[in-house]
C-alpha atoms as a PDB file:
ATOM      1  CA  MET A   1       0.000   0.000   0.000  1.00  0.00           C
ATOM      2  CA  ILE A   2       1.388   3.382  -1.012  1.00  0.00           C
ATOM      3  CA  PRO A   3       1.124   6.041   1.763  1.00  0.00           C
ATOM      4  CA  THR A   4      -0.445   8.668  -0.508  1.00  0.00           C
ATOM      5  CA  SER A   5      -1.562  10.920   2.348  1.00  0.00           C
ATOM      6  CA  THR A   6       2.018  11.027   3.673  1.00  0.00           C
ATOM      7  CA  ILE A   7       3.353  11.776   0.204  1.00  0.00           C
ATOM      8  CA  ASP A   8       0.764  14.531  -0.246  1.00  0.00           C
ATOM      9  CA  THR A   9       1.660  16.044   3.132  1.00  0.00           C
ATOM     10  CA  LEU A  10       5.374  16.008   2.311  1.00  0.00           C
ATOM     11  CA  GLN A  11       4.685  17.621  -1.044  1.00  0.00           C
ATOM     12  CA  GLN A  12       2.711  20.395   0.662  1.00  0.00           C
ATOM     13  CA  CYS A  13       5.488  20.868   3.210  1.00  0.00           C
ATOM     14  CA  TRP A  14       8.209  21.174   0.548  1.00  0.00           C
ATOM     15  CA  HIS A  15       6.044  23.512  -1.509  1.00  0.00           C
ATOM     16  CA  SER A  16       5.456  25.813   1.474  1.00  0.00           C
ATOM     17  CA  LEU A  17       9.183  25.811   2.347  1.00  0.00           C
ATOM     18  CA  SER A  18      10.008  26.644  -1.264  1.00  0.00           C
ATOM     19  CA  GLU A  19       7.539  29.534  -1.246  1.00  0.00           C
ATOM     20  CA  LEU A  20       8.940  30.821   2.042  1.00  0.00           C
ATOM     21  CA  GLY A  21      12.505  30.631   0.762  1.00  0.00           C
ATOM     22  CA  ALA A  22      11.593  32.498  -2.415  1.00  0.00           C
ATOM     23  CA  GLN A  23      10.364  35.424  -0.292  1.00  0.00           C
ATOM     24  CA  LEU A  24      13.508  35.782   1.827  1.00  0.00           C
ATOM     25  CA  ALA A  25      16.062  38.496   1.141  1.00  0.00           C
ATOM     26  CA  GLU A  26      19.759  37.599   1.415  1.00  0.00           C
ATOM     27  CA  GLY A  27      20.009  39.126   4.887  1.00  0.00           C
ATOM     28  CA  GLU A  28      17.069  37.055   6.121  1.00  0.00           C
ATOM     29  CA  TRP A  29      18.823  33.842   5.028  1.00  0.00           C
ATOM     30  CA  GLN A  30      21.720  34.806   7.301  1.00  0.00           C
ATOM     31  CA  GLN A  31      19.611  35.500  10.404  1.00  0.00           C
ATOM     32  CA  ALA A  32      20.319  33.465  13.513  1.00  0.00           C
ATOM     33  CA  THR A  33      17.764  30.926  14.695  1.00  0.00           C
ATOM     34  CA  ASP A  34      16.967  29.276  18.026  1.00  0.00           C
ATOM     35  CA  LEU A  35      19.556  26.614  17.188  1.00  0.00           C
ATOM     36  CA  PRO A  36      22.868  28.090  18.408  1.00  0.00           C
ATOM     37  CA  GLY A  37      25.295  28.715  15.559  1.00  0.00           C
ATOM     38  CA  TRP A  38      22.742  27.968  12.829  1.00  0.00           C
ATOM     39  CA  THR A  39      21.176  30.455  10.414  1.00  0.00           C
ATOM     40  CA  VAL A  40      17.895  30.197   8.516  1.00  0.00           C
ATOM     41  CA  LYS A  41      19.953  28.983   5.527  1.00  0.00           C
ATOM     42  CA  ASP A  42      21.658  26.339   7.675  1.00  0.00           C
ATOM     43  CA  ASN A  43      18.324  24.965   8.874  1.00  0.00           C
ATOM     44  CA  LEU A  44      16.748  24.781   5.427  1.00  0.00           C
ATOM     45  CA  SER A  45      19.943  23.281   4.013  1.00  0.00           C
ATOM     46  CA  HIS A  46      19.796  20.612   6.710  1.00  0.00           C
ATOM     47  CA  LEU A  47      16.242  19.661   5.705  1.00  0.00           C
ATOM     48  CA  VAL A  48      17.252  19.462   2.055  1.00  0.00           C
ATOM     49  CA  ALA A  49      20.334  17.400   2.920  1.00  0.00           C
ATOM     50  CA  VAL A  50      18.228  14.807   4.728  1.00  0.00           C
ATOM     51  CA  GLU A  51      15.914  14.504   1.741  1.00  0.00           C
ATOM     52  CA  ARG A  52      18.908  14.169  -0.597  1.00  0.00           C
ATOM     53  CA  MET A  53      20.318  11.409   1.612  1.00  0.00           C
ATOM     54  CA  LEU A  54      16.988   9.559   1.655  1.00  0.00           C
ATOM     55  CA  GLU A  55      16.898   9.714  -2.142  1.00  0.00           C
ATOM     56  CA  GLY A  56      20.445   8.353  -2.406  1.00  0.00           C
ATOM     57  CA  MET A  57      21.826  11.628  -3.744  1.00  0.00           C
ATOM     58  CA  PRO A  58      25.236  13.026  -2.767  1.00  0.00           C
ATOM     59  CA  PRO A  59      25.328  15.554   0.073  1.00  0.00           C
ATOM     60  CA  ALA A  60      25.230  19.277  -0.636  1.00  0.00           C
ATOM     61  CA  ASP A  61      28.314  21.444  -0.110  1.00  0.00           C
ATOM     62  CA  HIS A  62      26.723  23.782   2.468  1.00  0.00           C
ATOM     63  CA  ARG A  63      27.715  23.320   6.110  1.00  0.00           C
ATOM     64  CA  ALA A  64      26.462  25.314   9.074  1.00  0.00           C
ATOM     65  CA  ALA A  65      29.166  27.638  10.392  1.00  0.00           C
ATOM     66  CA  ALA A  66      29.109  25.895  13.775  1.00  0.00           C
ATOM     67  CA  ARG A  67      29.485  22.483  12.151  1.00  0.00           C
ATOM     68  CA  ALA A  68      32.219  23.704   9.815  1.00  0.00           C
ATOM     69  CA  ALA A  69      34.083  24.920  12.910  1.00  0.00           C
ATOM     70  CA  GLY A  70      33.827  21.425  14.412  1.00  0.00           C
ATOM     71  CA  GLN A  71      31.100  22.273  16.909  1.00  0.00           C
ATOM     72  CA  GLU A  72      28.200  19.898  17.308  1.00  0.00           C
ATOM     73  CA  ALA A  73      24.738  21.425  17.202  1.00  0.00           C
ATOM     74  CA  THR A  74      22.767  21.287  20.399  1.00  0.00           C
ATOM     75  CA  LEU A  75      19.090  21.758  20.853  1.00  0.00           C
ATOM     76  CA  ALA A  76      18.037  25.205  21.864  1.00  0.00           C
ATOM     77  CA  PRO A  77      17.036  25.205  25.550  1.00  0.00           C
ATOM     78  CA  LYS A  78      13.332  25.686  24.830  1.00  0.00           C
ATOM     79  CA  TRP A  79      13.319  22.444  22.780  1.00  0.00           C
ATOM     80  CA  ARG A  80      15.010  20.290  25.381  1.00  0.00           C
ATOM     81  CA  PRO A  81      12.771  17.906  27.350  1.00  0.00           C
END
């Protein structure tokens, strides 16, 4: 059985992220987020990288500044259990 509702939901999610990204100015892509050391661009790139991995595609070149510096990302305090 093909999970069509899941596929439809993912398609809607990617479409909305694409629309959001198309509206952002360069400075907005560089804004910090609740994830220490990660920008808006870093977060969206991470989502895309996971999808690429799941599809068997090679990873993208983008790395979050914190990760490029050898720092591991940690959850922002408000997201910790």
